[in-house]
């Protein structure tokens, strides 16, 4: 007959690793798989948020540029039109031309102020959009950190796992017996 302690004596470090893999391998692989899936989802969400914000900022930039171009064209056209009118009026009446120039300059100055105010509003909107984007990225990073901390809190601690496996190995060897309750 075989010695009953011989299988336990043969359970060397390699066998303990096999036993550990048998007992906890599936669970650890499941944890690893879940961590990978969560990480991939979070990275995809973060990339999607970045792309969305970049697209939005590009659209805002394009709209601002288009509006500035339109206002610039309108201003240039207005200047051109007014200068033509001034030249016509100047040739007809010197006094009427002075009055018209004053009005034109006031109108141009008003348009310049409106353009500056519009430009400032557009820049503030862009800054707000950038701040909002940064806040959303911060929120996403915070959510990622919280989720990572939650997952770390849910996993089995190394010390607990080591104690369990040590007790298991001692029991297999027969060196650790629990008292039998009466």
N, C-alpha and C. Protein backbone atom coordinates (compact mmCIF):
# COMPACT_ATOMS: atom_id res chain seq x y z
N UNK A 1 0.82 -1.18 0.00
CA UNK A 1 0.00 0.00 0.00
C UNK A 1 0.86 1.24 0.00
N UNK A 2 0.28 2.27 -0.55
CA UNK A 2 1.01 3.54 -0.63
C UNK A 2 0.90 4.25 0.70
N UNK A 3 1.94 4.99 0.99
CA UNK A 3 1.96 5.78 2.23
C UNK A 3 1.00 6.95 2.08
N UNK A 4 0.02 7.18 3.05
CA UNK A 4 -0.96 8.26 2.89
C UNK A 4 -0.31 9.64 2.91
N UNK A 5 0.86 9.78 3.50
CA UNK A 5 1.50 11.11 3.54
C UNK A 5 2.32 11.39 2.29
N UNK A 6 2.56 10.39 1.49
CA UNK A 6 3.39 10.57 0.32
C UNK A 6 2.81 11.57 -0.68
N UNK A 7 1.49 11.57 -1.02
CA UNK A 7 0.98 12.59 -1.95
C UNK A 7 1.16 14.00 -1.40
N UNK A 8 0.97 14.15 -0.11
CA UNK A 8 1.14 15.48 0.47
C UNK A 8 2.60 15.87 0.43
N UNK A 9 3.51 14.90 0.61
CA UNK A 9 4.94 15.22 0.59
C UNK A 9 5.38 15.58 -0.82
N UNK A 10 4.75 14.97 -1.82
CA UNK A 10 5.12 15.29 -3.20
C UNK A 10 4.58 16.64 -3.64
N UNK A 11 3.65 17.19 -2.91
CA UNK A 11 3.06 18.49 -3.27
C UNK A 11 4.10 19.57 -3.06
N UNK A 12 4.93 19.77 -4.04
CA UNK A 12 5.98 20.80 -3.97
C UNK A 12 5.44 22.14 -4.42
N UNK A 13 6.35 23.09 -4.62
CA UNK A 13 5.90 24.43 -5.03
C UNK A 13 5.13 24.41 -6.35
N UNK A 14 5.52 23.56 -7.27
CA UNK A 14 4.80 23.48 -8.55
C UNK A 14 3.38 22.99 -8.36
N UNK A 15 3.23 22.00 -7.48
CA UNK A 15 1.88 21.47 -7.22
C UNK A 15 1.03 22.50 -6.50
N UNK A 16 1.62 23.27 -5.62
CA UNK A 16 0.86 24.32 -4.92
C UNK A 16 0.37 25.35 -5.94
N UNK A 17 1.23 25.67 -6.91
CA UNK A 17 0.81 26.59 -7.96
C UNK A 17 -0.34 26.00 -8.78
N UNK A 18 -0.26 24.70 -9.05
CA UNK A 18 -1.34 24.06 -9.79
C UNK A 18 -2.64 24.07 -8.98
N UNK A 19 -2.51 23.80 -7.69
CA UNK A 19 -3.70 23.80 -6.83
C UNK A 19 -4.29 25.20 -6.76
N UNK A 20 -3.39 26.18 -6.62
CA UNK A 20 -3.86 27.58 -6.57
C UNK A 20 -4.56 27.93 -7.88
N UNK A 21 -3.98 27.49 -9.01
CA UNK A 21 -4.61 27.78 -10.29
C UNK A 21 -5.96 27.09 -10.41
N UNK A 22 -6.05 25.87 -9.89
CA UNK A 22 -7.31 25.14 -9.94
C UNK A 22 -8.36 25.84 -9.08
N UNK A 23 -7.95 26.26 -7.87
CA UNK A 23 -8.91 26.86 -6.94
C UNK A 23 -9.31 28.27 -7.34
N UNK A 24 -8.35 29.07 -7.75
CA UNK A 24 -8.63 30.49 -7.97
C UNK A 24 -8.37 30.96 -9.39
N UNK A 25 -7.88 30.13 -10.24
CA UNK A 25 -7.50 30.54 -11.59
C UNK A 25 -8.68 31.09 -12.39
N UNK A 26 -9.79 30.40 -12.33
CA UNK A 26 -10.96 30.88 -13.07
C UNK A 26 -11.43 32.23 -12.57
N UNK A 27 -11.45 32.35 -11.27
CA UNK A 27 -11.90 33.63 -10.70
C UNK A 27 -10.92 34.74 -11.06
N UNK A 28 -9.62 34.47 -10.98
CA UNK A 28 -8.63 35.50 -11.30
C UNK A 28 -8.70 35.86 -12.79
N UNK A 29 -8.89 34.85 -13.66
CA UNK A 29 -9.02 35.15 -15.08
C UNK A 29 -10.28 35.97 -15.33
N UNK A 30 -11.34 35.64 -14.59
CA UNK A 30 -12.57 36.42 -14.73
C UNK A 30 -12.35 37.86 -14.29
N UNK A 31 -11.65 38.03 -13.16
CA UNK A 31 -11.33 39.40 -12.72
C UNK A 31 -10.49 40.12 -13.77
N UNK A 32 -9.48 39.47 -14.28
CA UNK A 32 -8.61 40.10 -15.29
C UNK A 32 -9.43 40.48 -16.53
N UNK A 33 -10.30 39.55 -16.96
CA UNK A 33 -11.14 39.83 -18.12
C UNK A 33 -12.05 41.03 -17.85
N UNK A 34 -12.66 41.06 -16.66
CA UNK A 34 -13.55 42.17 -16.32
C UNK A 34 -12.77 43.49 -16.25
N UNK A 35 -11.56 43.44 -15.68
CA UNK A 35 -10.73 44.65 -15.63
C UNK A 35 -10.42 45.12 -17.05
N UNK A 36 -10.08 44.19 -17.93
CA UNK A 36 -9.76 44.55 -19.32
C UNK A 36 -10.96 45.17 -20.01
N UNK A 37 -12.13 44.54 -19.83
CA UNK A 37 -13.34 45.07 -20.47
C UNK A 37 -13.68 46.45 -19.95
N UNK A 38 -13.59 46.62 -18.64
CA UNK A 38 -13.88 47.93 -18.05
C UNK A 38 -12.88 48.98 -18.53
N UNK A 39 -11.63 48.60 -18.58
CA UNK A 39 -10.60 49.53 -19.05
C UNK A 39 -10.83 49.90 -20.50
N UNK A 40 -11.16 48.92 -21.33
CA UNK A 40 -11.43 49.21 -22.74
C UNK A 40 -12.65 50.10 -22.90
N UNK A 41 -13.70 49.84 -22.11
CA UNK A 41 -14.89 50.69 -22.18
C UNK A 41 -14.58 52.11 -21.77
N UNK A 42 -13.84 52.24 -20.69
CA UNK A 42 -13.51 53.59 -20.21
C UNK A 42 -12.62 54.33 -21.21
N UNK A 43 -11.66 53.62 -21.78
CA UNK A 43 -10.80 54.26 -22.78
C UNK A 43 -11.60 54.66 -24.01
N UNK A 44 -12.53 53.80 -24.42
CA UNK A 44 -13.36 54.13 -25.58
C UNK A 44 -14.25 55.34 -25.28
N UNK A 45 -14.83 55.35 -24.08
CA UNK A 45 -15.68 56.50 -23.70
C UNK A 45 -14.87 57.78 -23.65
N UNK A 46 -13.67 57.69 -23.07
CA UNK A 46 -12.82 58.87 -22.98
C UNK A 46 -12.41 59.34 -24.37
N UNK A 47 -12.07 58.41 -25.24
CA UNK A 47 -11.70 58.78 -26.62
C UNK A 47 -12.89 59.39 -27.34
N UNK A 48 -14.07 58.81 -27.11
CA UNK A 48 -15.26 59.36 -27.74
C UNK A 48 -15.55 60.77 -27.24
N UNK A 49 -15.41 60.98 -25.94
CA UNK A 49 -15.61 62.32 -25.38
C UNK A 49 -14.61 63.32 -25.97
N UNK A 50 -13.35 62.89 -26.06
CA UNK A 50 -12.34 63.78 -26.63
C UNK A 50 -12.68 64.12 -28.09
N UNK A 51 -13.04 63.08 -28.85
CA UNK A 51 -13.39 63.33 -30.26
C UNK A 51 -14.58 64.28 -30.37
N UNK A 52 -15.59 64.03 -29.54
CA UNK A 52 -16.78 64.89 -29.57
C UNK A 52 -16.42 66.33 -29.24
N UNK A 53 -15.61 66.51 -28.21
CA UNK A 53 -15.24 67.87 -27.81
C UNK A 53 -14.37 68.52 -28.88
N UNK A 54 -13.48 67.74 -29.47
CA UNK A 54 -12.64 68.31 -30.54
C UNK A 54 -13.50 68.73 -31.74
N UNK A 55 -14.49 67.89 -32.07
CA UNK A 55 -15.38 68.24 -33.18
C UNK A 55 -16.18 69.49 -32.85
N UNK A 56 -16.67 69.55 -31.61
CA UNK A 56 -17.44 70.73 -31.22
C UNK A 56 -16.58 71.98 -31.25
N UNK A 57 -15.36 71.87 -30.74
CA UNK A 57 -14.47 73.03 -30.75
C UNK A 57 -14.13 73.43 -32.19
N UNK A 58 -13.94 72.44 -33.05
CA UNK A 58 -13.65 72.74 -34.45
C UNK A 58 -14.85 73.44 -35.10
N UNK A 59 -16.06 72.98 -34.76
CA UNK A 59 -17.25 73.63 -35.30
C UNK A 59 -17.37 75.07 -34.80
N UNK A 60 -17.11 75.24 -33.52
CA UNK A 60 -17.18 76.60 -32.95
C UNK A 60 -16.13 77.48 -33.60
N UNK A 61 -14.91 76.96 -33.74
CA UNK A 61 -13.85 77.73 -34.41
C UNK A 61 -14.25 78.10 -35.82
N UNK A 62 -14.83 77.12 -36.53
CA UNK A 62 -15.23 77.38 -37.91
C UNK A 62 -16.33 78.45 -37.95
N UNK A 63 -17.30 78.32 -37.02
CA UNK A 63 -18.37 79.32 -37.00
C UNK A 63 -17.82 80.71 -36.67
N UNK A 64 -16.91 80.77 -35.73
CA UNK A 64 -16.32 82.06 -35.37
C UNK A 64 -15.58 82.64 -36.57
N UNK A 65 -14.77 81.79 -37.21
CA UNK A 65 -14.02 82.25 -38.38
C UNK A 65 -14.97 82.72 -39.49
N UNK A 66 -16.03 81.94 -39.72
CA UNK A 66 -17.00 82.33 -40.75
C UNK A 66 -17.66 83.66 -40.40
N UNK A 67 -18.06 83.80 -39.13
CA UNK A 67 -18.70 85.04 -38.72
C UNK A 67 -17.73 86.22 -38.83
N UNK A 68 -16.50 86.00 -38.44
CA UNK A 68 -15.51 87.08 -38.56
C UNK A 68 -15.26 87.44 -40.02
N UNK A 69 -15.20 86.42 -40.87
CA UNK A 69 -15.03 86.68 -42.31
C UNK A 69 -16.22 87.47 -42.86
N UNK A 70 -17.43 87.04 -42.47
CA UNK A 70 -18.62 87.75 -42.94
C UNK A 70 -18.62 89.19 -42.45
N UNK A 71 -18.32 89.35 -41.16
CA UNK A 71 -18.29 90.72 -40.63
C UNK A 71 -17.19 91.54 -41.28
N UNK A 72 -16.06 90.92 -41.54
CA UNK A 72 -14.97 91.62 -42.22
C UNK A 72 -15.37 92.03 -43.63
N UNK A 73 -16.01 91.10 -44.35
CA UNK A 73 -16.49 91.43 -45.70
C UNK A 73 -17.52 92.55 -45.66
N UNK A 74 -18.46 92.42 -44.69
CA UNK A 74 -19.46 93.47 -44.56
C UNK A 74 -18.81 94.81 -44.23
N UNK A 75 -17.84 94.78 -43.36
CA UNK A 75 -17.16 96.01 -42.99
C UNK A 75 -16.40 96.58 -44.18
N UNK A 76 -15.70 95.73 -44.91
CA UNK A 76 -14.97 96.22 -46.09
C UNK A 76 -15.93 96.75 -47.15
N UNK A 77 -17.04 96.01 -47.33
CA UNK A 77 -18.04 96.47 -48.29
C UNK A 77 -18.64 97.79 -47.85
N UNK A 78 -18.94 97.87 -46.56
CA UNK A 78 -19.51 99.10 -46.03
C UNK A 78 -18.53 100.26 -46.20
N UNK A 79 -17.27 100.00 -45.91
CA UNK A 79 -16.25 101.04 -46.08
C UNK A 79 -16.17 101.48 -47.54
N UNK A 80 -16.17 100.47 -48.41
CA UNK A 80 -16.08 100.77 -49.83
C UNK A 80 -17.29 101.59 -50.30
N UNK A 81 -18.47 101.14 -49.87
CA UNK A 81 -19.69 101.86 -50.26
C UNK A 81 -19.69 103.28 -49.72
N UNK A 82 -19.32 103.41 -48.48
CA UNK A 82 -19.33 104.74 -47.86
C UNK A 82 -18.29 105.67 -48.52
N UNK A 83 -17.14 105.12 -48.81
CA UNK A 83 -16.12 105.96 -49.46
C UNK A 83 -16.57 106.42 -50.85
N UNK A 84 -17.27 105.53 -51.55
CA UNK A 84 -17.80 105.93 -52.86
C UNK A 84 -18.83 107.04 -52.71
N UNK A 85 -19.70 106.88 -51.70
CA UNK A 85 -20.71 107.91 -51.47
C UNK A 85 -20.06 109.22 -51.06
N UNK A 86 -19.03 109.13 -50.27
CA UNK A 86 -18.31 110.34 -49.82
C UNK A 86 -17.68 111.05 -51.02
N UNK A 87 -17.09 110.27 -51.90
CA UNK A 87 -16.46 110.88 -53.08
C UNK A 87 -17.49 111.59 -53.96
N UNK A 88 -18.64 110.93 -54.12
CA UNK A 88 -19.71 111.57 -54.93
C UNK A 88 -20.19 112.86 -54.26
N UNK A 89 -20.43 112.77 -52.98
CA UNK A 89 -20.92 113.94 -52.26
C UNK A 89 -19.87 115.06 -52.21
N UNK A 90 -18.62 114.66 -52.11
CA UNK A 90 -17.55 115.66 -52.03
C UNK A 90 -17.45 116.46 -53.32
N UNK A 91 -17.64 115.74 -54.43
CA UNK A 91 -17.59 116.45 -55.72
C UNK A 91 -18.79 117.38 -55.88
N UNK A 92 -19.92 117.05 -55.30
CA UNK A 92 -21.12 117.88 -55.44
C UNK A 92 -21.11 119.05 -54.46
N UNK A 93 -20.97 118.67 -53.18
CA UNK A 93 -21.02 119.74 -52.17
C UNK A 93 -19.92 119.51 -51.14
N UNK A 94 -19.10 120.46 -50.93
CA UNK A 94 -18.02 120.33 -49.95
C UNK A 94 -18.59 120.25 -48.54
N UNK A 95 -19.54 121.08 -48.25
CA UNK A 95 -20.11 121.09 -46.91
C UNK A 95 -20.88 119.81 -46.62
N UNK A 96 -21.64 119.33 -47.55
CA UNK A 96 -22.41 118.09 -47.35
C UNK A 96 -21.46 116.90 -47.19
N UNK A 97 -20.32 116.96 -47.87
CA UNK A 97 -19.34 115.87 -47.78
C UNK A 97 -18.76 115.78 -46.38
N UNK A 98 -18.49 116.94 -45.75
CA UNK A 98 -17.95 116.90 -44.39
C UNK A 98 -18.95 116.25 -43.42
N UNK A 99 -20.19 116.63 -43.58
CA UNK A 99 -21.22 116.06 -42.72
C UNK A 99 -21.33 114.54 -42.95
N UNK A 100 -21.33 114.14 -44.19
CA UNK A 100 -21.44 112.71 -44.52
C UNK A 100 -20.24 111.92 -43.98
N UNK A 101 -19.06 112.49 -44.08
CA UNK A 101 -17.86 111.80 -43.56
C UNK A 101 -17.96 111.60 -42.06
N UNK A 102 -18.43 112.62 -41.38
CA UNK A 102 -18.59 112.47 -39.92
C UNK A 102 -19.53 111.33 -39.57
N UNK A 103 -20.65 111.26 -40.28
CA UNK A 103 -21.62 110.19 -40.02
C UNK A 103 -21.04 108.81 -40.36
N UNK A 104 -20.32 108.79 -41.46
CA UNK A 104 -19.72 107.51 -41.88
C UNK A 104 -18.69 107.04 -40.85
N UNK A 105 -17.87 107.95 -40.40
CA UNK A 105 -16.86 107.58 -39.41
C UNK A 105 -17.51 107.08 -38.12
N UNK A 106 -18.60 107.73 -37.72
CA UNK A 106 -19.32 107.27 -36.53
C UNK A 106 -19.89 105.87 -36.76
N UNK A 107 -20.45 105.65 -37.94
CA UNK A 107 -21.01 104.33 -38.26
C UNK A 107 -19.92 103.26 -38.25
N UNK A 108 -18.77 103.61 -38.85
CA UNK A 108 -17.65 102.65 -38.88
C UNK A 108 -17.14 102.36 -37.47
N UNK A 109 -17.07 103.38 -36.68
CA UNK A 109 -16.62 103.20 -35.30
C UNK A 109 -17.60 102.31 -34.54
N UNK A 110 -18.91 102.55 -34.75
CA UNK A 110 -19.93 101.72 -34.12
C UNK A 110 -19.82 100.27 -34.58
N UNK A 111 -19.60 100.08 -35.89
CA UNK A 111 -19.42 98.71 -36.40
C UNK A 111 -18.17 98.07 -35.81
N UNK A 112 -17.13 98.87 -35.67
CA UNK A 112 -15.90 98.36 -35.07
C UNK A 112 -16.14 97.93 -33.63
N UNK A 113 -16.89 98.73 -32.88
CA UNK A 113 -17.21 98.37 -31.50
C UNK A 113 -18.08 97.12 -31.46
N UNK A 114 -19.05 97.04 -32.36
CA UNK A 114 -19.91 95.86 -32.42
C UNK A 114 -19.10 94.62 -32.78
N UNK A 115 -18.18 94.81 -33.73
CA UNK A 115 -17.33 93.69 -34.13
C UNK A 115 -16.45 93.25 -32.96
N UNK A 116 -15.88 94.23 -32.24
CA UNK A 116 -15.05 93.89 -31.08
C UNK A 116 -15.88 93.19 -30.01
N UNK A 117 -17.09 93.69 -29.77
CA UNK A 117 -17.96 93.06 -28.77
C UNK A 117 -18.36 91.65 -29.21
N UNK A 118 -18.69 91.50 -30.47
CA UNK A 118 -19.05 90.18 -30.99
C UNK A 118 -17.86 89.23 -30.89
N UNK A 119 -16.70 89.73 -31.23
CA UNK A 119 -15.49 88.91 -31.14
C UNK A 119 -15.26 88.48 -29.69
N UNK A 120 -15.43 89.38 -28.76
CA UNK A 120 -15.24 89.07 -27.34
C UNK A 120 -16.25 88.02 -26.88
N UNK A 121 -17.51 88.17 -27.31
CA UNK A 121 -18.54 87.19 -26.94
C UNK A 121 -18.19 85.81 -27.50
N UNK A 122 -17.73 85.78 -28.75
CA UNK A 122 -17.37 84.50 -29.37
C UNK A 122 -16.18 83.87 -28.64
N UNK A 123 -15.23 84.68 -28.26
CA UNK A 123 -14.06 84.15 -27.53
C UNK A 123 -14.46 83.63 -26.15
N UNK A 124 -15.38 84.32 -25.49
CA UNK A 124 -15.86 83.86 -24.19
C UNK A 124 -16.61 82.54 -24.35
N UNK A 125 -17.40 82.43 -25.40
CA UNK A 125 -18.13 81.17 -25.64
C UNK A 125 -17.15 80.03 -25.88
N UNK A 126 -16.09 80.32 -26.62
CA UNK A 126 -15.06 79.31 -26.87
C UNK A 126 -14.36 78.92 -25.57
N UNK A 127 -14.05 79.91 -24.74
CA UNK A 127 -13.40 79.61 -23.46
C UNK A 127 -14.33 78.78 -22.57
N UNK A 128 -15.62 79.11 -22.58
CA UNK A 128 -16.58 78.33 -21.80
C UNK A 128 -16.66 76.90 -22.31
N UNK A 129 -16.65 76.75 -23.62
CA UNK A 129 -16.70 75.40 -24.21
C UNK A 129 -15.44 74.61 -23.82
N UNK A 130 -14.30 75.27 -23.84
CA UNK A 130 -13.06 74.59 -23.46
C UNK A 130 -13.09 74.22 -21.98
N UNK A 131 -13.60 75.11 -21.14
CA UNK A 131 -13.70 74.81 -19.71
C UNK A 131 -14.65 73.64 -19.48
N UNK A 132 -15.76 73.65 -20.20
CA UNK A 132 -16.73 72.56 -20.09
C UNK A 132 -16.10 71.24 -20.53
N UNK A 133 -15.34 71.31 -21.60
CA UNK A 133 -14.66 70.11 -22.10
C UNK A 133 -13.66 69.60 -21.07
N UNK A 134 -12.90 70.51 -20.48
CA UNK A 134 -11.92 70.11 -19.48
C UNK A 134 -12.63 69.51 -18.26
N UNK A 135 -13.76 70.08 -17.88
CA UNK A 135 -14.51 69.56 -16.74
C UNK A 135 -15.02 68.15 -17.04
N UNK A 136 -15.50 67.94 -18.26
CA UNK A 136 -16.00 66.60 -18.61
C UNK A 136 -14.87 65.58 -18.63
N UNK A 137 -13.72 65.99 -19.12
CA UNK A 137 -12.57 65.07 -19.12
C UNK A 137 -12.18 64.77 -17.67
N UNK A 138 -12.22 65.80 -16.81
CA UNK A 138 -11.92 65.59 -15.39
C UNK A 138 -12.91 64.65 -14.74
N UNK A 139 -14.18 64.82 -15.08
CA UNK A 139 -15.21 63.93 -14.53
C UNK A 139 -14.97 62.49 -14.99
N UNK A 140 -14.62 62.33 -16.26
CA UNK A 140 -14.37 60.98 -16.78
C UNK A 140 -13.16 60.36 -16.08
N UNK A 141 -12.11 61.15 -15.88
CA UNK A 141 -10.92 60.63 -15.19
C UNK A 141 -11.26 60.30 -13.74
N UNK A 142 -12.07 61.12 -13.11
CA UNK A 142 -12.49 60.87 -11.73
C UNK A 142 -13.29 59.58 -11.66
N UNK A 143 -14.22 59.41 -12.61
CA UNK A 143 -15.03 58.18 -12.64
C UNK A 143 -14.14 56.96 -12.85
N UNK A 144 -13.13 57.10 -13.69
CA UNK A 144 -12.19 56.00 -13.93
C UNK A 144 -11.43 55.68 -12.65
N UNK A 145 -10.99 56.69 -11.93
CA UNK A 145 -10.26 56.47 -10.67
C UNK A 145 -11.16 55.81 -9.64
N UNK A 146 -12.42 56.31 -9.53
CA UNK A 146 -13.35 55.72 -8.57
C UNK A 146 -13.62 54.25 -8.91
N UNK A 147 -13.83 53.97 -10.16
CA UNK A 147 -14.12 52.60 -10.58
C UNK A 147 -12.92 51.69 -10.29
N UNK A 148 -11.72 52.20 -10.57
CA UNK A 148 -10.52 51.43 -10.27
C UNK A 148 -10.38 51.16 -8.78
N UNK A 149 -10.68 52.17 -7.96
CA UNK A 149 -10.60 52.00 -6.51
C UNK A 149 -11.64 50.99 -6.03
N UNK A 150 -12.84 51.06 -6.62
CA UNK A 150 -13.89 50.10 -6.23
C UNK A 150 -13.47 48.67 -6.59
N UNK A 151 -12.88 48.52 -7.76
CA UNK A 151 -12.46 47.18 -8.17
C UNK A 151 -11.33 46.67 -7.28
N UNK A 152 -10.40 47.56 -6.91
CA UNK A 152 -9.31 47.16 -6.02
C UNK A 152 -9.87 46.76 -4.65
N UNK A 153 -10.90 47.45 -4.20
CA UNK A 153 -11.48 47.16 -2.89
C UNK A 153 -12.21 45.82 -2.90
N UNK A 154 -12.76 45.42 -4.05
CA UNK A 154 -13.53 44.19 -4.14
C UNK A 154 -12.65 42.95 -4.30
N UNK A 155 -11.43 43.08 -4.74
CA UNK A 155 -10.61 41.89 -5.00
C UNK A 155 -10.05 41.32 -3.69
N UNK A 156 -9.64 40.06 -3.73
CA UNK A 156 -9.11 39.38 -2.56
C UNK A 156 -7.72 39.94 -2.27
N UNK A 157 -7.43 40.25 -1.01
CA UNK A 157 -6.13 40.78 -0.62
C UNK A 157 -5.06 39.72 -0.69
N UNK A 158 -3.82 40.12 -0.94
CA UNK A 158 -2.72 39.17 -1.06
C UNK A 158 -2.47 38.44 0.26
N UNK A 159 -2.54 39.18 1.37
CA UNK A 159 -2.28 38.56 2.67
C UNK A 159 -3.32 37.49 2.97
N UNK A 160 -4.59 37.78 2.71
CA UNK A 160 -5.66 36.81 2.97
C UNK A 160 -5.48 35.57 2.09
N UNK A 161 -5.16 35.79 0.82
CA UNK A 161 -4.96 34.68 -0.10
C UNK A 161 -3.75 33.84 0.33
N UNK A 162 -2.68 34.51 0.78
CA UNK A 162 -1.48 33.79 1.21
C UNK A 162 -1.79 32.96 2.45
N UNK A 163 -2.54 33.52 3.41
CA UNK A 163 -2.89 32.78 4.63
C UNK A 163 -3.75 31.56 4.29
N UNK A 164 -4.69 31.74 3.39
CA UNK A 164 -5.57 30.65 3.00
C UNK A 164 -4.78 29.53 2.33
N UNK A 165 -3.89 29.90 1.43
CA UNK A 165 -3.12 28.88 0.71
C UNK A 165 -2.11 28.19 1.64
N UNK A 166 -1.56 28.95 2.60
CA UNK A 166 -0.64 28.34 3.57
C UNK A 166 -1.37 27.33 4.43
N UNK A 167 -2.54 27.68 4.90
CA UNK A 167 -3.35 26.77 5.71
C UNK A 167 -3.71 25.54 4.88
N UNK A 168 -4.07 25.75 3.62
CA UNK A 168 -4.43 24.66 2.73
C UNK A 168 -3.25 23.70 2.54
N UNK A 169 -2.05 24.28 2.34
CA UNK A 169 -0.86 23.45 2.15
C UNK A 169 -0.53 22.67 3.42
N UNK A 170 -0.65 23.31 4.59
CA UNK A 170 -0.37 22.61 5.85
C UNK A 170 -1.37 21.47 6.06
N UNK A 171 -2.60 21.70 5.70
CA UNK A 171 -3.60 20.64 5.84
C UNK A 171 -3.32 19.48 4.89
N UNK A 172 -2.89 19.81 3.68
CA UNK A 172 -2.56 18.74 2.73
C UNK A 172 -1.36 17.92 3.22
N UNK A 173 -0.42 18.59 3.83
CA UNK A 173 0.74 17.89 4.37
C UNK A 173 0.37 17.09 5.61
N UNK A 174 -0.67 17.50 6.27
CA UNK A 174 -1.08 16.83 7.50
C UNK A 174 -0.45 17.46 8.72
N UNK A 175 0.19 18.60 8.57
CA UNK A 175 0.84 19.30 9.68
C UNK A 175 -0.12 20.22 10.44
N UNK A 176 -1.30 20.35 9.97
CA UNK A 176 -2.23 21.30 10.59
C UNK A 176 -3.57 20.61 10.78
N UNK A 177 -3.91 20.36 12.01
CA UNK A 177 -5.17 19.71 12.31
C UNK A 177 -6.03 20.65 13.14
N UNK A 178 -7.27 20.67 12.82
CA UNK A 178 -8.21 21.47 13.59
C UNK A 178 -8.81 20.58 14.68
N UNK A 179 -9.02 21.12 15.86
CA UNK A 179 -9.68 20.30 16.90
C UNK A 179 -11.12 19.99 16.48
N UNK A 180 -11.53 18.82 16.80
CA UNK A 180 -12.88 18.39 16.45
C UNK A 180 -13.82 18.88 17.54
N UNK A 181 -14.85 19.64 17.15
CA UNK A 181 -15.77 20.16 18.17
C UNK A 181 -16.60 19.03 18.78
N UNK A 182 -16.90 19.18 20.05
CA UNK A 182 -17.65 18.12 20.74
C UNK A 182 -19.09 18.44 20.83
